[in-house]
Amino acid sequence: MSSVVSTFDPSAALVSVTAKAEQHFAKKLFAAQAKLIRLSVKTSGCTGYAYVLDAVAESEAGDTLIKVSDLVTLAISADAAPLIRGTEIDLALEGVNRVIKYNNPNVVAECGCGESFSVN
């Protein structure tokens, strides 16, 4: 009887990034001469949390690093990880503006303007 051993990778299902968002992040990193896109959350708005994206030189203690491509690596803050697990990050066109969209399966409510969200 043979057994199958699998390795648990906690970052595997943390987030995914569409090709459009990856290209946007690559351009942002190049323009800012930064190494990482850091995703965190802050308390904000009427429903609880807001996403924060920053181009940074290095990760912070506790961050989970996810290599999206040869040009883009995400650093996910430890406090954001449980709130965004399973999220797809996309770049959408709204009118004439390009907007980062978070398709987060954990969200149970969003404010009317889309600025903040809440989870269970």
Protein backbone atom coordinates (compact mmCIF):
# COMPACT_ATOMS: atom_id res chain seq x y z
CA MET A 1 0.00 0.00 0.00
CA SER A 2 1.53 3.29 -1.03
CA SER A 3 0.70 6.60 0.50
CA VAL A 4 0.55 9.98 -1.14
CA VAL A 5 2.26 12.81 0.64
CA SER A 6 1.18 16.33 -0.10
CA THR A 7 2.73 19.51 1.13
CA PHE A 8 0.53 22.21 2.53
CA ASP A 9 1.34 25.55 0.91
CA PRO A 10 -0.46 28.32 2.85
CA SER A 11 0.10 30.86 0.08
CA ALA A 12 -1.31 28.64 -2.71
CA ALA A 13 -4.92 29.75 -2.25
CA LEU A 14 -4.19 33.14 -0.71
CA VAL A 15 -4.66 35.28 -3.84
CA SER A 16 -4.55 35.00 -7.61
CA VAL A 17 -3.73 37.76 -10.07
CA THR A 18 -5.12 38.11 -13.60
CA ALA A 19 -2.80 38.80 -16.53
CA LYS A 20 -4.13 42.37 -16.81
CA ALA A 21 -3.41 43.08 -13.14
CA GLU A 22 0.04 41.47 -13.40
CA GLN A 23 0.93 43.76 -16.34
CA HIS A 24 -0.33 46.79 -14.39
CA PHE A 25 1.74 45.82 -11.34
CA ALA A 26 4.85 45.26 -13.47
CA LYS A 27 4.53 48.79 -14.90
CA LYS A 28 3.92 50.23 -11.43
CA LEU A 29 7.00 48.49 -10.01
CA PHE A 30 9.17 49.68 -12.90
CA ALA A 31 7.98 53.29 -12.56
CA ALA A 32 8.50 53.30 -8.78
CA GLN A 33 11.80 51.38 -9.02
CA ALA A 34 10.38 49.05 -6.36
CA LYS A 35 10.70 45.30 -5.87
CA LEU A 36 7.32 44.25 -4.45
CA ILE A 37 3.65 45.09 -4.50
CA ARG A 38 2.48 44.95 -0.88
CA LEU A 39 -1.19 44.26 -0.16
CA SER A 40 -2.47 45.14 3.29
CA VAL A 41 -5.75 46.32 4.79
CA LYS A 42 -6.67 49.22 7.01
CA THR A 43 -9.73 50.03 9.08
CA SER A 44 -11.76 52.37 6.92
CA GLY A 45 -15.14 53.47 5.68
CA CYS A 46 -18.57 52.50 6.87
CA THR A 47 -18.20 48.72 6.58
CA GLY A 48 -14.82 47.97 8.12
CA TYR A 49 -11.75 47.48 5.93
CA ALA A 50 -10.11 48.95 2.84
CA TYR A 51 -7.45 47.38 0.61
CA VAL A 52 -4.06 49.11 0.50
CA LEU A 53 -1.60 48.50 -2.36
CA ASP A 54 1.92 49.92 -2.20
CA ALA A 55 5.02 49.51 -4.34
CA VAL A 56 7.78 48.81 -1.79
CA ALA A 57 11.49 47.98 -1.67
CA GLU A 58 11.11 45.08 0.76
CA SER A 59 8.58 43.06 2.66
CA GLU A 60 7.75 43.49 6.33
CA ALA A 61 8.04 40.89 9.08
CA GLY A 62 5.20 38.37 8.81
CA ASP A 63 4.43 39.06 5.14
CA THR A 64 3.69 36.14 2.83
CA LEU A 65 5.50 36.45 -0.52
CA ILE A 66 3.79 35.23 -3.67
CA LYS A 67 5.72 35.22 -6.95
CA VAL A 68 3.19 36.14 -9.63
CA SER A 69 5.72 36.31 -12.49
CA ASP A 70 9.38 37.05 -13.09
CA LEU A 71 8.52 40.75 -12.80
CA VAL A 72 5.92 40.79 -10.02
CA THR A 73 6.00 39.51 -6.46
CA LEU A 74 3.23 40.25 -3.98
CA ALA A 75 3.83 40.70 -0.28
CA ILE A 76 0.64 39.99 1.67
CA SER A 77 0.57 41.45 5.18
CA ALA A 78 -0.11 38.99 7.99
CA ASP A 79 -3.22 40.89 9.14
CA ALA A 80 -4.68 40.94 5.60
CA ALA A 81 -4.17 37.24 4.86
CA PRO A 82 -7.26 35.88 6.66
CA LEU A 83 -9.45 38.63 5.18
CA ILE A 84 -8.39 38.10 1.57
CA ARG A 85 -7.82 34.33 1.30
CA GLY A 86 -9.11 33.15 -2.09
CA THR A 87 -9.25 36.65 -3.62
CA GLU A 88 -8.70 37.24 -7.33
CA ILE A 89 -7.07 40.58 -8.11
CA ASP A 90 -8.05 42.00 -11.50
CA LEU A 91 -7.69 45.22 -13.48
CA ALA A 92 -10.98 46.49 -14.90
CA LEU A 93 -11.95 49.40 -17.10
CA GLU A 94 -14.64 51.64 -15.62
CA GLY A 95 -15.42 54.42 -18.06
CA VAL A 96 -12.00 55.85 -18.93
CA ASN A 97 -10.36 54.71 -15.68
CA ARG A 98 -8.47 51.51 -14.92
CA VAL A 99 -9.38 50.19 -11.47
CA ILE A 100 -8.01 47.34 -9.38
CA LYS A 101 -10.85 44.96 -8.52
CA TYR A 102 -10.79 42.47 -5.67
CA ASN A 103 -13.04 39.46 -6.22
CA ASN A 104 -12.99 38.45 -2.56
CA PRO A 105 -15.19 35.46 -1.62
CA ASN A 106 -14.98 36.44 2.08
CA VAL A 107 -16.80 39.76 1.69
CA VAL A 108 -20.28 39.85 3.21
CA ALA A 109 -20.93 43.58 2.79
CA GLU A 110 -19.50 46.54 0.89
CA CYS A 111 -20.21 50.22 1.28
CA GLY A 112 -22.14 51.94 -1.49
CA CYS A 113 -19.10 53.72 -2.91
CA GLY A 114 -16.97 50.56 -2.93
CA GLU A 115 -14.36 52.03 -0.59
CA SER A 116 -14.67 49.50 2.22
CA PHE A 117 -15.77 45.94 2.93
CA SER A 118 -16.54 43.61 5.80
CA VAL A 119 -16.07 39.89 6.33
CA ASN A 120 -17.46 37.34 8.78
